[in-house]
């Protein structure tokens, strides 16, 4: 351990766990030693990740039909005070 408290992990360990430079690790104190675990990065979702989740069964709708449905719902929510 360096005077700054830095520890060098052997290359074989880094390779085995696919830890690259900059990998964030959690240091967990255990009765029998210290456990290092990578911080689980949360995936950033895009609209493409959700494409195709909701299936529509029926005839295709035109843009005009969809816009009319949106307008109708907007008016209904506005009338209920929930917009």
PDB file of N, CA and C in Angstrom:
ATOM      1  N   UNK A   1       0.861  -1.172   0.000  1.00  0.00           N
ATOM      2  CA  UNK A   1       0.000   0.000   0.000  1.00  0.00           C
ATOM      3  C   UNK A   1       0.905   1.232   0.000  1.00  0.00           C
ATOM      4  N   UNK A   2       0.514   2.231  -0.785  1.00  0.00           N
ATOM      5  CA  UNK A   2       1.303   3.456  -0.849  1.00  0.00           C
ATOM      6  C   UNK A   2       1.023   4.319   0.381  1.00  0.00           C
ATOM      7  N   UNK A   3       1.834   5.372   0.537  1.00  0.00           N
ATOM      8  CA  UNK A   3       1.630   6.285   1.664  1.00  0.00           C
ATOM      9  C   UNK A   3       0.302   7.031   1.543  1.00  0.00           C
ATOM     10  N   UNK A   4      -0.273   7.055   0.338  1.00  0.00           N
ATOM     11  CA  UNK A   4      -1.578   7.688   0.118  1.00  0.00           C
ATOM     12  C   UNK A   4      -2.728   6.701   0.297  1.00  0.00           C
ATOM     13  N   UNK A   5      -2.417   5.452   0.636  1.00  0.00           N
ATOM     14  CA  UNK A   5      -3.459   4.439   0.825  1.00  0.00           C
ATOM     15  C   UNK A   5      -3.889   3.774  -0.466  1.00  0.00           C
ATOM     16  N   UNK A   6      -3.144   3.971  -1.530  1.00  0.00           N
ATOM     17  CA  UNK A   6      -3.488   3.364  -2.811  1.00  0.00           C
ATOM     18  C   UNK A   6      -2.945   1.946  -2.879  1.00  0.00           C
ATOM     19  N   UNK A   7      -3.741   1.067  -3.492  1.00  0.00           N
ATOM     20  CA  UNK A   7      -3.370  -0.335  -3.647  1.00  0.00           C
ATOM     21  C   UNK A   7      -3.372  -0.670  -5.133  1.00  0.00           C
ATOM     22  N   UNK A   8      -2.364  -1.396  -5.576  1.00  0.00           N
ATOM     23  CA  UNK A   8      -2.309  -1.839  -6.968  1.00  0.00           C
ATOM     24  C   UNK A   8      -2.841  -3.263  -7.029  1.00  0.00           C
ATOM     25  N   UNK A   9      -3.846  -3.464  -7.869  1.00  0.00           N
ATOM     26  CA  UNK A   9      -4.394  -4.814  -8.034  1.00  0.00           C
ATOM     27  C   UNK A   9      -3.615  -5.516  -9.143  1.00  0.00           C
ATOM     28  N   UNK A  10      -3.250  -6.766  -8.918  1.00  0.00           N
ATOM     29  CA  UNK A  10      -2.511  -7.499  -9.946  1.00  0.00           C
ATOM     30  C   UNK A  10      -3.293  -7.574 -11.258  1.00  0.00           C
ATOM     31  N   UNK A  11      -2.573  -7.535 -12.363  1.00  0.00           N
ATOM     32  CA  UNK A  11      -3.174  -7.564 -13.702  1.00  0.00           C
ATOM     33  C   UNK A  11      -4.073  -8.779 -13.878  1.00  0.00           C
ATOM     34  N   UNK A  12      -3.671  -9.931 -13.375  1.00  0.00           N
ATOM     35  CA  UNK A  12      -4.487 -11.151 -13.524  1.00  0.00           C
ATOM     36  C   UNK A  12      -5.861 -10.967 -12.890  1.00  0.00           C
ATOM     37  N   UNK A  13      -5.918 -10.297 -11.742  1.00  0.00           N
ATOM     38  CA  UNK A  13      -7.207 -10.047 -11.064  1.00  0.00           C
ATOM     39  C   UNK A  13      -8.027  -9.054 -11.883  1.00  0.00           C
ATOM     40  N   UNK A  14      -7.377  -7.970 -12.344  1.00  0.00           N
ATOM     41  CA  UNK A  14      -8.097  -6.976 -13.152  1.00  0.00           C
ATOM     42  C   UNK A  14      -8.649  -7.598 -14.423  1.00  0.00           C
ATOM     43  N   UNK A  15      -7.853  -8.429 -15.080  1.00  0.00           N
ATOM     44  CA  UNK A  15      -8.299  -9.093 -16.309  1.00  0.00           C
ATOM     45  C   UNK A  15      -9.442 -10.062 -16.043  1.00  0.00           C
ATOM     46  N   UNK A  16      -9.329 -10.831 -14.970  1.00  0.00           N
ATOM     47  CA  UNK A  16     -10.352 -11.823 -14.638  1.00  0.00           C
ATOM     48  C   UNK A  16     -11.721 -11.167 -14.436  1.00  0.00           C
ATOM     49  N   UNK A  17     -11.715  -9.987 -13.836  1.00  0.00           N
ATOM     50  CA  UNK A  17     -12.973  -9.294 -13.543  1.00  0.00           C
ATOM     51  C   UNK A  17     -13.311  -8.220 -14.575  1.00  0.00           C
ATOM     52  N   UNK A  18     -12.478  -8.090 -15.596  1.00  0.00           N
ATOM     53  CA  UNK A  18     -12.660  -7.087 -16.653  1.00  0.00           C
ATOM     54  C   UNK A  18     -12.727  -5.676 -16.074  1.00  0.00           C
ATOM     55  N   UNK A  19     -11.881  -5.403 -15.086  1.00  0.00           N
ATOM     56  CA  UNK A  19     -11.800  -4.081 -14.478  1.00  0.00           C
ATOM     57  C   UNK A  19     -10.752  -3.277 -15.226  1.00  0.00           C
ATOM     58  N   UNK A  20     -11.175  -2.187 -15.816  1.00  0.00           N
ATOM     59  CA  UNK A  20     -10.291  -1.291 -16.547  1.00  0.00           C
ATOM     60  C   UNK A  20      -9.935  -0.104 -15.650  1.00  0.00           C
ATOM     61  N   UNK A  21      -8.958   0.688 -16.072  1.00  0.00           N
ATOM     62  CA  UNK A  21      -8.642   1.907 -15.341  1.00  0.00           C
ATOM     63  C   UNK A  21      -9.878   2.776 -15.242  1.00  0.00           C
ATOM     64  N   UNK A  22     -10.150   3.321 -14.073  1.00  0.00           N
ATOM     65  CA  UNK A  22     -11.331   4.153 -13.871  1.00  0.00           C
ATOM     66  C   UNK A  22     -12.543   3.397 -13.361  1.00  0.00           C
ATOM     67  N   UNK A  23     -12.448   2.055 -13.280  1.00  0.00           N
ATOM     68  CA  UNK A  23     -13.557   1.273 -12.740  1.00  0.00           C
ATOM     69  C   UNK A  23     -13.779   1.693 -11.293  1.00  0.00           C
ATOM     70  N   UNK A  24     -15.016   1.999 -10.956  1.00  0.00           N
ATOM     71  CA  UNK A  24     -15.341   2.396  -9.578  1.00  0.00           C
ATOM     72  C   UNK A  24     -15.608   1.145  -8.759  1.00  0.00           C
ATOM     73  N   UNK A  25     -15.000   1.081  -7.588  1.00  0.00           N
ATOM     74  CA  UNK A  25     -15.143  -0.082  -6.718  1.00  0.00           C
ATOM     75  C   UNK A  25     -15.722   0.319  -5.371  1.00  0.00           C
ATOM     76  N   UNK A  26     -16.534  -0.554  -4.820  1.00  0.00           N
ATOM     77  CA  UNK A  26     -17.036  -0.406  -3.462  1.00  0.00           C
ATOM     78  C   UNK A  26     -16.065  -1.153  -2.565  1.00  0.00           C
ATOM     79  N   UNK A  27     -15.638  -0.531  -1.491  1.00  0.00           N
ATOM     80  CA  UNK A  27     -14.743  -1.172  -0.533  1.00  0.00           C
ATOM     81  C   UNK A  27     -15.583  -1.513   0.684  1.00  0.00           C
ATOM     82  N   UNK A  28     -15.713  -2.801   0.944  1.00  0.00           N
ATOM     83  CA  UNK A  28     -16.553  -3.278   2.038  1.00  0.00           C
ATOM     84  C   UNK A  28     -15.682  -3.929   3.103  1.00  0.00           C
ATOM     85  N   UNK A  29     -15.773  -3.411   4.328  1.00  0.00           N
ATOM     86  CA  UNK A  29     -14.986  -3.957   5.439  1.00  0.00           C
ATOM     87  C   UNK A  29     -15.688  -5.205   5.969  1.00  0.00           C
ATOM     88  N   UNK A  30     -14.958  -6.295   6.025  1.00  0.00           N
ATOM     89  CA  UNK A  30     -15.485  -7.569   6.517  1.00  0.00           C
ATOM     90  C   UNK A  30     -14.636  -8.032   7.697  1.00  0.00           C
ATOM     91  N   UNK A  31     -15.190  -8.895   8.564  1.00  0.00           N
ATOM     92  CA  UNK A  31     -14.396  -9.384   9.705  1.00  0.00           C
ATOM     93  C   UNK A  31     -13.110 -10.096   9.265  1.00  0.00           C
ATOM     94  N   UNK A  32     -13.154 -10.743   8.108  1.00  0.00           N
ATOM     95  CA  UNK A  32     -11.988 -11.509   7.665  1.00  0.00           C
ATOM     96  C   UNK A  32     -11.143 -10.768   6.629  1.00  0.00           C
ATOM     97  N   UNK A  33     -11.431  -9.490   6.373  1.00  0.00           N
ATOM     98  CA  UNK A  33     -10.645  -8.735   5.400  1.00  0.00           C
ATOM     99  C   UNK A  33     -11.479  -7.658   4.727  1.00  0.00           C
ATOM    100  N   UNK A  34     -11.116  -7.337   3.508  1.00  0.00           N
ATOM    101  CA  UNK A  34     -11.785  -6.293   2.738  1.00  0.00           C
ATOM    102  C   UNK A  34     -12.294  -6.904   1.437  1.00  0.00           C
ATOM    103  N   UNK A  35     -13.513  -6.534   1.060  1.00  0.00           N
ATOM    104  CA  UNK A  35     -14.100  -7.019  -0.181  1.00  0.00           C
ATOM    105  C   UNK A  35     -14.206  -5.850  -1.156  1.00  0.00           C
ATOM    106  N   UNK A  36     -13.741  -6.060  -2.381  1.00  0.00           N
ATOM    107  CA  UNK A  36     -13.871  -5.057  -3.439  1.00  0.00           C
ATOM    108  C   UNK A  36     -14.935  -5.525  -4.418  1.00  0.00           C
ATOM    109  N   UNK A  37     -15.894  -4.627  -4.713  1.00  0.00           N
ATOM    110  CA  UNK A  37     -16.945  -4.945  -5.676  1.00  0.00           C
ATOM    111  C   UNK A  37     -17.113  -3.761  -6.611  1.00  0.00           C
ATOM    112  N   UNK A  38     -17.336  -4.028  -7.902  1.00  0.00           N
ATOM    113  CA  UNK A  38     -17.560  -2.902  -8.811  1.00  0.00           C
ATOM    114  C   UNK A  38     -18.914  -2.246  -8.535  1.00  0.00           C
ATOM    115  N   UNK A  39     -18.946  -0.946  -8.694  1.00  0.00           N
ATOM    116  CA  UNK A  39     -20.208  -0.210  -8.577  1.00  0.00           C
ATOM    117  C   UNK A  39     -21.032  -0.552  -9.804  1.00  0.00           C
ATOM    118  N   UNK A  40     -22.277  -0.958  -9.600  1.00  0.00           N
ATOM    119  CA  UNK A  40     -23.147  -1.309 -10.723  1.00  0.00           C
ATOM    120  C   UNK A  40     -23.658  -0.024 -11.362  1.00  0.00           C
ATOM    121  N   UNK A  41     -23.271   0.183 -12.600  1.00  0.00           N
ATOM    122  CA  UNK A  41     -23.715   1.365 -13.332  1.00  0.00           C
ATOM    123  C   UNK A  41     -25.143   1.140 -13.811  1.00  0.00           C
ATOM    124  N   UNK A  42     -25.978   2.131 -13.619  1.00  0.00           N
ATOM    125  CA  UNK A  42     -27.355   2.034 -14.099  1.00  0.00           C
ATOM    126  C   UNK A  42     -27.383   2.331 -15.588  1.00  0.00           C
ATOM    127  N   UNK A  43     -28.094   1.495 -16.315  1.00  0.00           N
ATOM    128  CA  UNK A  43     -28.198   1.678 -17.762  1.00  0.00           C
ATOM    129  C   UNK A  43     -29.047   2.895 -18.060  1.00  0.00           C
ATOM    130  N   UNK A  44     -28.597   3.696 -18.994  1.00  0.00           N
ATOM    131  CA  UNK A  44     -29.372   4.838 -19.451  1.00  0.00           C
ATOM    132  C   UNK A  44     -30.203   4.380 -20.643  1.00  0.00           C
ATOM    133  N   UNK A  45     -31.517   4.447 -20.484  1.00  0.00           N
ATOM    134  CA  UNK A  45     -32.414   3.968 -21.524  1.00  0.00           C
ATOM    135  C   UNK A  45     -32.678   5.048 -22.554  1.00  0.00           C
ATOM    136  N   UNK A  46     -32.890   4.611 -23.768  1.00  0.00           N
ATOM    137  CA  UNK A  46     -33.292   5.506 -24.849  1.00  0.00           C
ATOM    138  C   UNK A  46     -34.671   5.067 -25.325  1.00  0.00           C
ATOM    139  N   UNK A  47     -35.271   5.872 -26.139  1.00  0.00           N
ATOM    140  CA  UNK A  47     -36.599   5.529 -26.674  1.00  0.00           C
ATOM    141  C   UNK A  47     -36.546   4.230 -27.470  1.00  0.00           C
ATOM    142  N   UNK A  48     -35.411   3.961 -28.099  1.00  0.00           N
ATOM    143  CA  UNK A  48     -35.279   2.727 -28.882  1.00  0.00           C
ATOM    144  C   UNK A  48     -35.358   1.481 -27.994  1.00  0.00           C
ATOM    145  N   UNK A  49     -34.981   1.603 -26.717  1.00  0.00           N
ATOM    146  CA  UNK A  49     -35.068   0.467 -25.800  1.00  0.00           C
ATOM    147  C   UNK A  49     -36.523   0.062 -25.549  1.00  0.00           C
ATOM    148  N   UNK A  50     -37.442   0.995 -25.724  1.00  0.00           N
ATOM    149  CA  UNK A  50     -38.842   0.725 -25.433  1.00  0.00           C
ATOM    150  C   UNK A  50     -39.671   0.457 -26.685  1.00  0.00           C
ATOM    151  N   UNK A  51     -39.085   0.642 -27.840  1.00  0.00           N
ATOM    152  CA  UNK A  51     -39.820   0.443 -29.089  1.00  0.00           C
ATOM    153  C   UNK A  51     -40.308  -0.997 -29.188  1.00  0.00           C
ATOM    154  N   UNK A  52     -41.546  -1.157 -29.507  1.00  0.00           N
ATOM    155  CA  UNK A  52     -42.103  -2.489 -29.700  1.00  0.00           C
ATOM    156  C   UNK A  52     -42.630  -3.150 -28.437  1.00  0.00           C
ATOM    157  N   UNK A  53     -42.555  -2.487 -27.298  1.00  0.00           N
ATOM    158  CA  UNK A  53     -43.043  -3.092 -26.052  1.00  0.00           C
ATOM    159  C   UNK A  53     -44.568  -3.188 -26.068  1.00  0.00           C
ATOM    160  N   UNK A  54     -45.207  -2.109 -26.466  1.00  0.00           N
ATOM    161  CA  UNK A  54     -46.666  -2.071 -26.493  1.00  0.00           C
ATOM    162  C   UNK A  54     -47.127  -2.477 -27.888  1.00  0.00           C
ATOM    163  N   UNK A  55     -47.869  -3.548 -27.918  1.00  0.00           N
ATOM    164  CA  UNK A  55     -48.370  -4.051 -29.206  1.00  0.00           C
ATOM    165  C   UNK A  55     -49.796  -3.565 -29.422  1.00  0.00           C
ATOM    166  N   UNK A  56     -50.073  -3.151 -30.625  1.00  0.00           N
ATOM    167  CA  UNK A  56     -51.417  -2.734 -31.003  1.00  0.00           C
ATOM    168  C   UNK A  56     -51.981  -3.752 -31.974  1.00  0.00           C
ATOM    169  N   UNK A  57     -53.176  -4.231 -31.646  1.00  0.00           N
ATOM    170  CA  UNK A  57     -53.843  -5.165 -32.541  1.00  0.00           C
ATOM    171  C   UNK A  57     -55.050  -4.452 -33.134  1.00  0.00           C
ATOM    172  N   UNK A  58     -55.033  -4.305 -34.394  1.00  0.00           N
ATOM    173  CA  UNK A  58     -56.132  -3.626 -35.062  1.00  0.00           C
ATOM    174  C   UNK A  58     -55.633  -2.975 -36.338  1.00  0.00           C
ATOM    175  N   UNK A  59     -56.519  -2.273 -36.997  1.00  0.00           N
ATOM    176  CA  UNK A  59     -56.129  -1.620 -38.254  1.00  0.00           C
ATOM    177  C   UNK A  59     -55.153  -0.477 -37.970  1.00  0.00           C
ATOM    178  N   UNK A  60     -54.285  -0.178 -38.922  1.00  0.00           N
ATOM    179  CA  UNK A  60     -53.346   0.930 -38.743  1.00  0.00           C
ATOM    180  C   UNK A  60     -54.096   2.248 -38.549  1.00  0.00           C
ATOM    181  N   UNK A  61     -53.515   3.127 -37.735  1.00  0.00           N
ATOM    182  CA  UNK A  61     -54.110   4.441 -37.487  1.00  0.00           C
ATOM    183  C   UNK A  61     -53.302   5.489 -38.242  1.00  0.00           C
ATOM    184  N   UNK A  62     -53.989   6.465 -38.761  1.00  0.00           N
ATOM    185  CA  UNK A  62     -53.308   7.568 -39.454  1.00  0.00           C
ATOM    186  C   UNK A  62     -52.821   8.572 -38.415  1.00  0.00           C
ATOM    187  N   UNK A  63     -51.926   9.442 -38.827  1.00  0.00           N
ATOM    188  CA  UNK A  63     -51.448  10.506 -37.945  1.00  0.00           C
ATOM    189  C   UNK A  63     -52.620  11.382 -37.519  1.00  0.00           C
ATOM    190  N   UNK A  64     -53.534  11.632 -38.437  1.00  0.00           N
ATOM    191  CA  UNK A  64     -54.701  12.447 -38.122  1.00  0.00           C
ATOM    192  C   UNK A  64     -55.562  11.787 -37.040  1.00  0.00           C
ATOM    193  N   UNK A  65     -55.748  10.450 -37.140  1.00  0.00           N
ATOM    194  CA  UNK A  65     -56.513   9.722 -36.122  1.00  0.00           C
ATOM    195  C   UNK A  65     -55.829   9.817 -34.759  1.00  0.00           C
ATOM    196  N   UNK A  66     -54.511   9.667 -34.752  1.00  0.00           N
ATOM    197  CA  UNK A  66     -53.766   9.742 -33.487  1.00  0.00           C
ATOM    198  C   UNK A  66     -53.837  11.140 -32.885  1.00  0.00           C
ATOM    199  N   UNK A  67     -53.687  12.166 -33.732  1.00  0.00           N
ATOM    200  CA  UNK A  67     -53.773  13.540 -33.239  1.00  0.00           C
ATOM    201  C   UNK A  67     -55.156  13.843 -32.683  1.00  0.00           C
ATOM    202  N   UNK A  68     -56.193  13.336 -33.348  1.00  0.00           N
ATOM    203  CA  UNK A  68     -57.567  13.546 -32.872  1.00  0.00           C
ATOM    204  C   UNK A  68     -57.764  12.876 -31.506  1.00  0.00           C
ATOM    205  N   UNK A  69     -57.228  11.690 -31.321  1.00  0.00           N
ATOM    206  CA  UNK A  69     -57.348  10.986 -30.035  1.00  0.00           C
ATOM    207  C   UNK A  69     -56.615  11.747 -28.935  1.00  0.00           C
ATOM    208  N   UNK A  70     -55.441  12.283 -29.250  1.00  0.00           N
ATOM    209  CA  UNK A  70     -54.680  13.063 -28.262  1.00  0.00           C
ATOM    210  C   UNK A  70     -55.461  14.316 -27.877  1.00  0.00           C
ATOM    211  N   UNK A  71     -55.994  14.995 -28.875  1.00  0.00           N
ATOM    212  CA  UNK A  71     -56.777  16.216 -28.621  1.00  0.00           C
ATOM    213  C   UNK A  71     -58.004  15.905 -27.766  1.00  0.00           C
ATOM    214  N   UNK A  72     -58.676  14.802 -28.062  1.00  0.00           N
ATOM    215  CA  UNK A  72     -59.862  14.391 -27.294  1.00  0.00           C
ATOM    216  C   UNK A  72     -59.498  14.122 -25.834  1.00  0.00           C
ATOM    217  N   UNK A  73     -58.414  13.423 -25.618  1.00  0.00           N
ATOM    218  CA  UNK A  73     -57.980  13.125 -24.242  1.00  0.00           C
ATOM    219  C   UNK A  73     -57.570  14.397 -23.514  1.00  0.00           C
ATOM    220  N   UNK A  74     -56.876  15.293 -24.208  1.00  0.00           N
ATOM    221  CA  UNK A  74     -56.480  16.558 -23.601  1.00  0.00           C
ATOM    222  C   UNK A  74     -57.708  17.334 -23.129  1.00  0.00           C
ATOM    223  N   UNK A  75     -58.722  17.421 -24.000  1.00  0.00           N
ATOM    224  CA  UNK A  75     -59.949  18.143 -23.650  1.00  0.00           C
ATOM    225  C   UNK A  75     -60.649  17.486 -22.461  1.00  0.00           C
ATOM    226  N   UNK A  76     -60.680  16.149 -22.442  1.00  0.00           N
ATOM    227  CA  UNK A  76     -61.328  15.429 -21.341  1.00  0.00           C
ATOM    228  C   UNK A  76     -60.589  15.693 -20.025  1.00  0.00           C
ATOM    229  N   UNK A  77     -59.269  15.663 -20.041  1.00  0.00           N
ATOM    230  CA  UNK A  77     -58.505  15.931 -18.815  1.00  0.00           C
ATOM    231  C   UNK A  77     -58.648  17.384 -18.384  1.00  0.00           C
ATOM    232  N   UNK A  78     -58.654  18.283 -19.351  1.00  0.00           N
ATOM    233  CA  UNK A  78     -58.813  19.707 -19.034  1.00  0.00           C
ATOM    234  C   UNK A  78     -60.168  19.940 -18.364  1.00  0.00           C
ATOM    235  N   UNK A  79     -61.220  19.286 -18.862  1.00  0.00           N
ATOM    236  CA  UNK A  79     -62.555  19.440 -18.294  1.00  0.00           C
ATOM    237  C   UNK A  79     -62.603  18.897 -16.857  1.00  0.00           C
ATOM    238  N   UNK A  80     -61.814  17.877 -16.579  1.00  0.00           N
ATOM    239  CA  UNK A  80     -61.770  17.307 -15.222  1.00  0.00           C
ATOM    240  C   UNK A  80     -60.788  18.036 -14.313  1.00  0.00           C
ATOM    241  N   UNK A  81     -60.073  19.013 -14.878  1.00  0.00           N
ATOM    242  CA  UNK A  81     -59.080  19.735 -14.092  1.00  0.00           C
ATOM    243  C   UNK A  81     -57.802  18.954 -13.862  1.00  0.00           C
ATOM    244  N   UNK A  82     -57.538  17.950 -14.702  1.00  0.00           N
ATOM    245  CA  UNK A  82     -56.349  17.106 -14.560  1.00  0.00           C
ATOM    246  C   UNK A  82     -55.509  17.200 -15.823  1.00  0.00           C
ATOM    247  N   UNK A  83     -54.868  18.296 -16.043  1.00  0.00           N
ATOM    248  CA  UNK A  83     -54.070  18.483 -17.250  1.00  0.00           C
ATOM    249  C   UNK A  83     -52.654  18.710 -16.941  1.00  0.00           C
TER     250      UNK A  83
END
